[in-house]
Protein backbone atom coordinates (compact mmCIF):
# COMPACT_ATOMS: atom_id res chain seq x y z
CA MET A 1 -23.76 0.71 -12.95
CA ALA A 2 -23.37 3.95 -14.90
CA LEU A 3 -19.88 5.11 -15.85
CA VAL A 4 -18.97 8.42 -14.21
CA THR A 5 -16.46 10.31 -16.38
CA ASP A 6 -17.06 13.84 -15.07
CA SER A 7 -18.26 14.91 -11.63
CA SER A 8 -19.28 18.33 -13.07
CA GLY A 9 -17.48 19.94 -10.13
CA LEU A 10 -20.05 18.58 -7.66
CA LEU A 11 -18.81 16.78 -4.56
CA SER A 12 -22.06 14.83 -4.43
CA LYS A 13 -21.19 13.20 -7.79
CA LEU A 14 -17.51 12.63 -7.07
CA PRO A 15 -16.65 9.02 -6.07
CA LEU A 16 -14.26 9.39 -3.13
CA PRO A 17 -11.60 6.66 -2.78
CA ILE A 18 -11.14 4.62 0.38
CA SER A 19 -7.52 5.84 0.39
CA ILE A 20 -8.76 9.10 1.94
CA GLY A 21 -10.13 7.24 4.97
CA ALA A 22 -7.07 4.99 5.03
CA CYS A 23 -4.82 8.07 5.15
CA PHE A 24 -6.74 9.61 8.04
CA PHE A 25 -6.58 6.30 9.91
CA GLY A 26 -2.86 5.96 9.20
CA LEU A 27 -2.11 9.50 10.36
CA VAL A 28 -3.83 8.75 13.65
CA PHE A 29 -2.27 5.30 14.01
CA PHE A 30 1.27 6.58 13.38
CA ARG A 31 0.81 9.86 15.25
CA LYS A 32 3.76 9.07 17.53
CA ASN A 33 6.05 9.32 14.50
CA TYR A 34 5.00 12.88 13.70
CA ARG A 35 8.55 14.20 14.23
CA GLN A 36 9.72 12.13 11.26
CA ALA A 37 7.26 13.95 9.01
CA MET A 38 8.54 17.48 9.64
CA VAL A 39 9.63 17.90 6.01
CA ALA A 40 6.09 17.06 4.86
CA VAL A 41 4.47 19.25 7.50
CA THR A 42 6.75 22.17 6.63
CA PHE A 43 6.02 21.75 2.93
CA ILE A 44 2.25 21.72 3.49
CA ALA A 45 2.41 24.75 5.83
CA VAL A 46 4.40 26.80 3.30
CA LEU A 47 2.11 25.64 0.47
CA VAL A 48 -0.99 26.70 2.41
CA ALA A 49 0.55 30.10 3.14
CA ALA A 50 1.43 30.63 -0.52
CA MET A 51 -2.04 29.59 -1.65
CA LEU A 52 -3.59 32.02 0.84
CA LEU A 53 -1.53 34.80 -0.74
CA SER A 54 -2.95 33.80 -4.10
CA ILE A 55 -6.52 33.80 -2.77
CA LEU A 56 -6.02 37.26 -1.28
CA PHE A 57 -4.07 38.96 -4.09
CA ALA A 58 -5.14 37.26 -7.33
CA GLY A 59 -7.79 39.90 -7.89
CA GLU A 60 -7.73 43.66 -7.51
CA ALA A 61 -10.52 43.46 -4.94
CA LEU A 62 -10.95 41.01 -2.08
CA ASP A 63 -13.44 38.87 -4.00
CA ILE A 64 -12.82 35.29 -2.86
CA GLU A 65 -14.71 32.75 -4.97
CA ALA A 66 -16.06 29.55 -3.48
CA ARG A 67 -14.87 27.63 -6.55
CA LYS A 68 -11.26 28.63 -5.86
CA LEU A 69 -11.53 27.62 -2.20
CA LEU A 70 -12.92 24.25 -3.25
CA LEU A 71 -10.08 23.84 -5.75
CA ALA A 72 -7.54 24.73 -3.06
CA GLY A 73 -8.94 21.94 -0.90
CA GLN A 74 -8.71 19.58 -3.86
CA PHE A 75 -5.02 20.42 -4.38
CA LEU A 76 -4.23 20.11 -0.67
CA LEU A 77 -6.13 16.90 0.15
CA PRO A 78 -3.64 14.46 -1.47
CA THR A 79 -0.69 15.99 0.43
CA MET A 80 -1.67 14.03 3.53
CA GLY A 81 -0.16 11.05 1.72
CA LEU A 82 3.23 12.76 1.99
CA VAL A 83 2.88 12.99 5.78
CA LEU A 84 1.78 9.36 6.09
CA GLY A 85 4.60 8.17 3.83
CA GLN A 86 7.18 9.83 6.08
CA GLN A 87 5.59 8.42 9.22
CA VAL A 88 5.54 4.81 8.09
CA HIS A 89 8.35 2.46 9.12
CA ASP A 90 8.29 -0.40 6.64
CA GLU A 91 11.30 -2.50 7.52
CA THR A 92 9.34 -5.71 6.72
CA ASN A 93 8.15 -4.48 3.29
CA ALA A 94 4.52 -4.58 4.35
CA VAL A 95 3.55 -1.88 1.84
CA PRO A 96 4.82 -3.64 -1.32
CA THR A 97 3.44 -6.94 0.01
CA ALA A 98 0.02 -5.33 0.39
CA PHE A 99 0.32 -3.89 -3.15
CA MET A 100 1.14 -7.35 -4.50
CA GLY A 101 -1.87 -8.89 -2.77
CA VAL A 102 -4.24 -6.26 -4.14
CA LEU A 103 -2.87 -6.57 -7.67
CA LEU A 104 -2.98 -10.39 -7.65
CA VAL A 105 -6.68 -10.28 -6.78
CA LEU A 106 -7.98 -7.17 -8.50
CA VAL A 107 -6.14 -7.02 -11.84
CA PRO A 108 -6.98 -10.56 -13.11
CA PHE A 109 -10.56 -10.07 -11.87
CA GLN A 110 -10.94 -6.78 -13.74
CA LEU A 111 -9.53 -8.28 -16.95
CA MET A 112 -11.79 -11.34 -16.78
CA VAL A 113 -14.88 -9.28 -16.00
CA GLY A 114 -14.13 -7.05 -18.97
CA TRP A 115 -13.80 -10.06 -21.27
CA LEU A 116 -17.05 -11.53 -19.92
CA GLN A 117 -18.73 -8.20 -20.63
CA GLY A 118 -17.51 -8.47 -24.24
CA SER A 119 -14.71 -5.90 -24.25
CA LEU A 120 -10.97 -6.23 -24.71
CA THR A 121 -10.36 -2.99 -22.85
CA LEU A 122 -10.75 -2.38 -19.12
CA THR A 123 -14.19 -2.19 -17.59
CA HIS A 124 -15.14 0.14 -14.75
CA HIS A 125 -18.02 -2.10 -13.59
CA LEU A 126 -16.89 -4.98 -11.35
CA TYR A 127 -20.42 -5.79 -10.14
CA VAL A 128 -19.79 -5.24 -6.41
CA PHE A 129 -18.06 -1.90 -6.95
CA SER A 130 -16.93 0.45 -9.71
CA ILE A 131 -13.50 1.88 -10.56
CA TYR A 132 -13.52 5.63 -11.20
CA GLN A 133 -11.06 6.92 -13.85
CA HIS A 134 -10.22 3.33 -14.84
CA PHE A 135 -8.52 4.50 -18.06
CA GLN A 136 -6.77 7.75 -17.17
CA PHE A 137 -5.44 7.55 -13.61
CA VAL A 138 -5.79 4.09 -12.05
CA PRO A 139 -3.67 2.13 -14.60
CA VAL A 140 -0.60 4.27 -13.89
CA VAL A 141 -1.13 3.79 -10.14
CA PHE A 142 -1.45 0.01 -10.55
CA VAL A 143 1.60 -0.28 -12.81
CA ALA A 144 3.67 1.88 -10.45
CA ALA A 145 2.53 -0.30 -7.53
CA PHE A 146 3.63 -3.38 -9.48
CA CYS A 147 7.04 -1.79 -10.16
CA LEU A 148 7.49 -1.09 -6.45
CA THR A 149 6.52 -4.68 -5.66
CA LEU A 150 8.97 -5.99 -8.24
CA VAL A 151 11.83 -4.04 -6.70
CA TYR A 152 11.25 -4.96 -3.08
CA LEU A 153 9.92 -8.53 -3.36
CA TRP A 154 11.54 -10.10 -6.41
CA ASP A 155 14.06 -12.18 -4.47
CA ARG A 156 11.33 -13.58 -2.18
CA HIS A 157 8.44 -14.10 -4.62
CA LYS A 158 9.94 -14.73 -8.05
CA VAL A 159 7.26 -17.19 -9.22
CA LEU A 160 4.33 -15.01 -8.14
CA LEU A 161 5.91 -11.92 -9.67
CA ARG A 162 6.58 -13.68 -12.98
CA ILE A 163 2.89 -14.54 -13.19
CA LEU A 164 1.85 -11.09 -12.06
CA GLY A 165 4.26 -9.53 -14.54
CA VAL A 166 2.50 -11.23 -17.45
CA VAL A 167 -0.93 -10.24 -16.13
CA MET A 168 0.20 -6.64 -15.63
CA GLY A 169 1.49 -6.54 -19.21
CA VAL A 170 -1.96 -7.50 -20.49
CA TYR A 171 -3.54 -5.01 -18.09
CA ALA A 172 -1.31 -2.18 -19.31
CA LEU A 173 -2.27 -2.92 -22.92
CA ALA A 174 -5.96 -3.09 -22.03
CA SER A 175 -5.74 0.24 -20.22
CA ALA A 176 -5.11 2.18 -23.45
CA SER A 177 -2.80 4.43 -21.39
CA PHE A 178 0.46 5.40 -23.09
CA LEU A 179 1.89 6.40 -19.71
CA ALA A 180 1.02 3.08 -18.06
CA ILE A 181 2.35 1.07 -21.02
CA GLY A 182 5.50 3.16 -21.22
CA LEU A 183 6.20 2.90 -17.49
CA TYR A 184 5.68 -0.87 -17.55
CA ILE A 185 7.96 -1.50 -20.53
CA ILE A 186 10.76 0.85 -19.50
CA PHE A 187 10.80 -0.10 -15.81
CA VAL A 188 10.65 -3.87 -16.35
CA LEU A 189 13.31 -3.70 -19.05
CA LEU A 190 15.68 -1.60 -16.93
CA PHE A 191 15.04 -3.73 -13.84
CA PHE A 192 15.99 -7.00 -15.52
CA LEU A 193 18.90 -5.47 -17.41
CA ARG A 194 20.19 -4.33 -14.03
CA LYS A 195 19.76 -7.85 -12.69
CA ILE A 196 21.58 -9.31 -15.68
CA SER A 197 24.49 -6.89 -15.31
CA ARG A 198 25.05 -8.09 -11.73
CA LEU A 199 24.87 -11.81 -12.44
CA LYS A 200 28.05 -13.82 -12.79
CA ALA A 201 26.38 -17.17 -13.34
CA ASP A 202 23.24 -17.92 -15.37
CA ARG A 203 23.45 -14.51 -17.02
CA TRP A 204 22.66 -15.94 -20.44
CA VAL A 205 19.68 -17.85 -19.07
CA LEU A 206 18.13 -14.69 -17.68
CA LEU A 207 19.01 -12.80 -20.86
CA LEU A 208 17.28 -15.45 -22.99
CA LEU A 209 14.25 -15.33 -20.72
CA LEU A 210 14.15 -11.55 -21.03
CA GLY A 211 14.44 -11.78 -24.82
CA GLY A 212 11.74 -14.42 -24.94
CA GLY A 213 9.52 -12.30 -22.75
CA PHE A 214 10.07 -9.32 -25.03
CA LEU A 215 9.13 -11.34 -28.13
CA ILE A 216 6.02 -12.71 -26.44
CA ALA A 217 5.04 -9.22 -25.29
CA THR A 218 5.56 -7.80 -28.79
CA GLY A 219 3.54 -10.60 -30.36
CA GLY A 220 0.80 -10.22 -27.76
CA ALA A 221 0.61 -6.48 -28.28
CA THR A 222 0.40 -6.92 -32.06
CA LEU A 223 -2.31 -9.54 -31.73
CA TYR A 224 -4.23 -7.49 -29.19
CA TYR A 225 -4.11 -4.41 -31.37
CA SER A 226 -5.10 -6.35 -34.52
CA ILE A 227 -8.15 -7.85 -32.81
CA ALA A 228 -9.11 -4.50 -31.37
CA LYS A 229 -8.71 -2.73 -34.71
CA HIS A 230 -10.85 -5.15 -36.72
CA ASN A 231 -13.51 -5.83 -34.08
CA ASN A 232 -14.94 -2.51 -32.98
CA ASN A 233 -17.72 -4.28 -31.10
CA LEU A 234 -15.03 -5.48 -28.66
CA ILE A 235 -14.04 -1.93 -27.85
CA GLY A 236 -16.40 -0.35 -25.34
CA ASP A 237 -14.20 2.55 -24.32
CA GLN A 238 -15.64 5.56 -26.16
CA GLY A 239 -12.63 5.67 -28.49
CA GLN A 240 -9.98 5.44 -25.78
CA TYR A 241 -8.21 2.55 -27.52
CA LEU A 242 -8.65 3.02 -31.25
CA GLY A 243 -8.62 6.80 -30.90
CA LYS A 244 -5.01 6.50 -29.72
CA PHE A 245 -3.47 3.41 -31.28
CA GLN A 246 -5.15 3.40 -34.66
CA THR A 247 -4.23 7.02 -35.33
CA LEU A 248 -0.67 6.28 -34.17
CA ALA A 249 -0.44 3.29 -36.51
CA GLU A 250 -1.62 5.52 -39.34
CA GLY A 251 1.23 7.95 -38.65
CA ARG A 252 -1.01 10.63 -37.15
CA MET A 253 -0.80 12.26 -33.73
CA PRO A 254 -3.29 10.68 -31.30
CA VAL A 255 -6.34 12.80 -30.59
CA ASN A 256 -5.68 13.00 -26.86
CA LEU A 257 -2.17 14.40 -27.44
CA GLN A 258 -3.51 16.95 -29.91
CA GLU A 259 -6.00 18.10 -27.28
CA ARG A 260 -3.28 18.36 -24.65
CA LEU A 261 -1.09 20.52 -26.87
CA GLY A 262 -4.06 22.83 -27.41
CA ASP A 263 -4.78 22.96 -23.67
CA TRP A 264 -1.14 23.76 -22.83
CA LYS A 265 -1.05 26.58 -25.36
CA MET A 266 -4.32 28.01 -24.02
CA TYR A 267 -3.28 27.83 -20.36
CA GLY A 268 0.15 29.24 -21.17
CA ALA A 269 -1.49 32.31 -22.73
CA TRP A 270 -3.81 32.72 -19.73
CA ILE A 271 -0.95 32.40 -17.23
CA THR A 272 1.17 35.07 -18.94
CA GLU A 273 -1.64 37.54 -19.64
CA SER A 274 -0.48 39.79 -16.77
CA PRO A 275 2.21 39.93 -14.04
CA ARG A 276 -0.49 39.51 -11.37
CA ALA A 277 -1.86 36.38 -13.05
CA LEU A 278 1.65 34.96 -13.40
CA LEU A 279 2.56 35.52 -9.74
CA PHE A 280 -0.75 34.95 -7.95
CA GLY A 281 -2.95 33.11 -10.41
CA HIS A 282 -6.54 33.88 -11.32
CA VAL A 283 -9.53 34.73 -9.16
CA SER A 284 -11.40 31.59 -10.22
CA PRO A 285 -10.84 28.47 -12.34
CA PRO A 286 -11.99 28.47 -15.98
CA ALA A 287 -15.64 27.64 -16.59
CA ARG A 288 -16.02 23.86 -16.85
CA GLU A 289 -17.72 24.38 -20.22
CA VAL A 290 -14.39 25.76 -21.48
CA ARG A 291 -11.90 23.40 -19.79
CA THR A 292 -11.97 21.15 -16.73
CA SER A 293 -8.16 21.17 -16.41
CA ALA A 294 -4.93 21.90 -18.26
CA HIS A 295 -4.01 18.18 -18.48
CA ASN A 296 -0.78 19.30 -16.85
CA TRP A 297 -0.61 19.73 -13.07
CA TYR A 298 2.02 22.46 -13.22
CA LEU A 299 0.12 24.62 -15.71
CA ASP A 300 -3.15 23.95 -13.92
CA PHE A 301 -1.74 24.88 -10.53
CA THR A 302 0.09 27.96 -11.85
CA TYR A 303 -3.06 29.20 -13.60
CA ASN A 304 -5.07 28.93 -10.39
CA PHE A 305 -2.49 29.90 -7.74
CA GLY A 306 0.47 31.43 -9.54
CA LEU A 307 4.23 30.89 -9.52
CA ILE A 308 4.42 31.97 -5.87
CA SER A 309 2.40 28.91 -4.85
CA LEU A 310 4.37 26.61 -7.15
CA LEU A 311 7.68 27.38 -5.42
CA PRO A 312 7.14 25.07 -2.38
CA LEU A 313 6.68 22.01 -4.57
CA LEU A 314 9.64 22.91 -6.76
CA ALA A 315 11.72 23.38 -3.61
CA LEU A 316 10.67 19.92 -2.37
CA VAL A 317 11.66 18.41 -5.74
CA VAL A 318 15.09 20.06 -5.55
CA TYR A 319 15.53 19.05 -1.89
CA THR A 320 14.69 15.41 -2.69
CA ALA A 321 17.07 15.34 -5.64
CA PHE A 322 19.80 16.87 -3.46
CA LEU A 323 19.36 14.14 -0.82
CA VAL A 324 19.46 11.37 -3.43
CA ARG A 325 22.65 12.79 -4.92
CA ARG A 326 24.31 13.37 -1.55
CA LEU A 327 23.56 9.87 -0.26
CA ARG A 328 23.93 8.03 -3.57
CA LYS A 329 26.97 6.00 -2.46
CA SER A 330 25.24 4.58 0.60
CA LEU A 331 21.71 4.02 -0.71
CA PRO A 332 20.47 0.51 -1.58
CA ASP A 333 19.20 -0.14 -5.10
CA GLU A 334 15.59 -0.23 -3.92
CA VAL A 335 15.72 3.44 -2.91
CA PHE A 336 17.00 4.47 -6.35
CA TRP A 337 14.15 2.55 -8.00
CA LEU A 338 11.70 4.23 -5.61
CA ALA A 339 13.19 7.62 -6.49
CA GLY A 340 12.66 6.81 -10.16
CA LEU A 341 9.00 5.98 -9.55
CA VAL A 342 8.49 9.20 -7.59
CA ALA A 343 10.16 11.18 -10.38
CA PHE A 344 7.85 9.54 -12.91
CA MET A 345 4.69 10.29 -10.93
CA VAL A 346 5.66 13.86 -9.99
CA LEU A 347 7.51 15.03 -13.10
CA VAL A 348 6.28 12.90 -16.02
CA ASP A 349 2.75 11.76 -15.19
CA SER A 350 1.89 15.16 -13.70
CA SER A 351 3.01 16.84 -16.93
CA PHE A 352 0.26 15.07 -18.89
CA LYS A 353 -2.46 14.94 -16.23
CA VAL A 354 -3.43 16.75 -13.04
CA THR A 355 -2.07 13.79 -11.07
CA LEU A 356 -1.33 15.57 -7.79
CA ARG A 357 -4.79 17.19 -7.78
CA GLN A 358 -6.78 13.94 -7.87
CA PRO A 359 -7.36 11.79 -4.77
CA TYR A 360 -6.52 8.46 -6.47
CA PRO A 361 -3.11 9.18 -7.99
CA GLY A 362 -2.32 12.21 -5.83
CA ILE A 363 -2.40 10.39 -2.51
CA PHE A 364 -0.47 7.48 -4.05
CA ALA A 365 2.22 9.74 -5.54
CA TYR A 366 2.64 11.77 -2.37
CA PHE A 367 2.73 8.58 -0.28
CA LEU A 368 5.57 7.17 -2.39
CA TRP A 369 7.33 10.53 -2.08
CA GLY A 370 6.96 10.42 1.69
CA MET A 371 8.34 6.86 1.76
CA LEU A 372 11.31 8.04 -0.28
CA LEU A 373 12.00 10.95 2.07
CA SER A 374 11.84 8.61 5.06
CA ARG A 375 14.46 6.37 3.43
CA LEU A 376 16.67 9.36 2.70
CA ARG A 377 16.87 10.25 6.38
CA PRO A 378 20.43 9.90 7.70
CA PRO A 379 20.98 7.21 10.37
CA ALA A 380 20.05 8.33 13.89
CA ALA A 381 23.63 8.15 15.05
CA SER A 382 24.75 10.67 12.43
CA ARG A 383 21.99 13.23 12.96
CA PRO A 384 22.74 16.28 15.06
CA GLY A 385 21.53 15.90 18.62
CA ALA A 386 21.12 12.12 18.34
């Protein structure tokens, strides 16, 4: 099964995830809860209106390009995850339980298949199906799903999550994704430090286990990198692994980060080339031969649709942060962890990739955001008119 790394802008070559169909099904299934998704619906309506202004006024003449309309659809498609996330009532933790089930099956299988195929890094080809963007986007989604599972299910499934935690650590290393590795290390470390700080008994036991886990992880990472470095035939990732970690070990900036800095500088110059471009964006995206994206959702979106269209998302970010701050004394720990994951996907991951433009991570990120907004709703008894 051939690896697809670039769809060339053609829908016929773009592997569409089943999450799109799942979202449509969920929106229909939970249609009775549409009133709970008014924040999401309002956001999407304002975003569409702002993007229409960009389409109409980006150029001096009314010359609407099909490529820009297609790109607008690509930006808007993942937002249905925000609506679904607000509609879902998950009092029984069905969502994290489903995430845990998928990860327990899929992640060990993908690792073993990769090893059987002779590679230490992740493989896209799982025989019965293929994983699109298995290096760039999917690892962050899987690690974030594991983090959500850890938060909501740790007290009920400690043994399973210990095993899954080890497997996910190997998976993060094999993904060659700095963002996935960083999220895994920081989140797991903070989660267990938080647990330790709240324990009165057995605190030292958990602390020793955490220290032991850290030493094992460090040793495993060193061993994994050493094998990868000295056995290039085990690396079938077109330089994804050694191109990042070997250059980093040599004290040089990884190639992918160098490329991103160049892209950000180029897009920044394009965005500020005129007041019209800054406010309303450009008539059409750059030629794919020049750049396929800015490797930064905010720059990419501003280049194409301008600051006017960026305002709705920034307003939603501020609104969410305001709710978290206002309700901070009454929110359970799980909601704070969820807010941290949403912040990572929306603010951090989207600053290095076009996360919210892609179906895989975009729907996932918006869905988590919708779940967060639904948990930030005040109790029914305290809402006006209740």
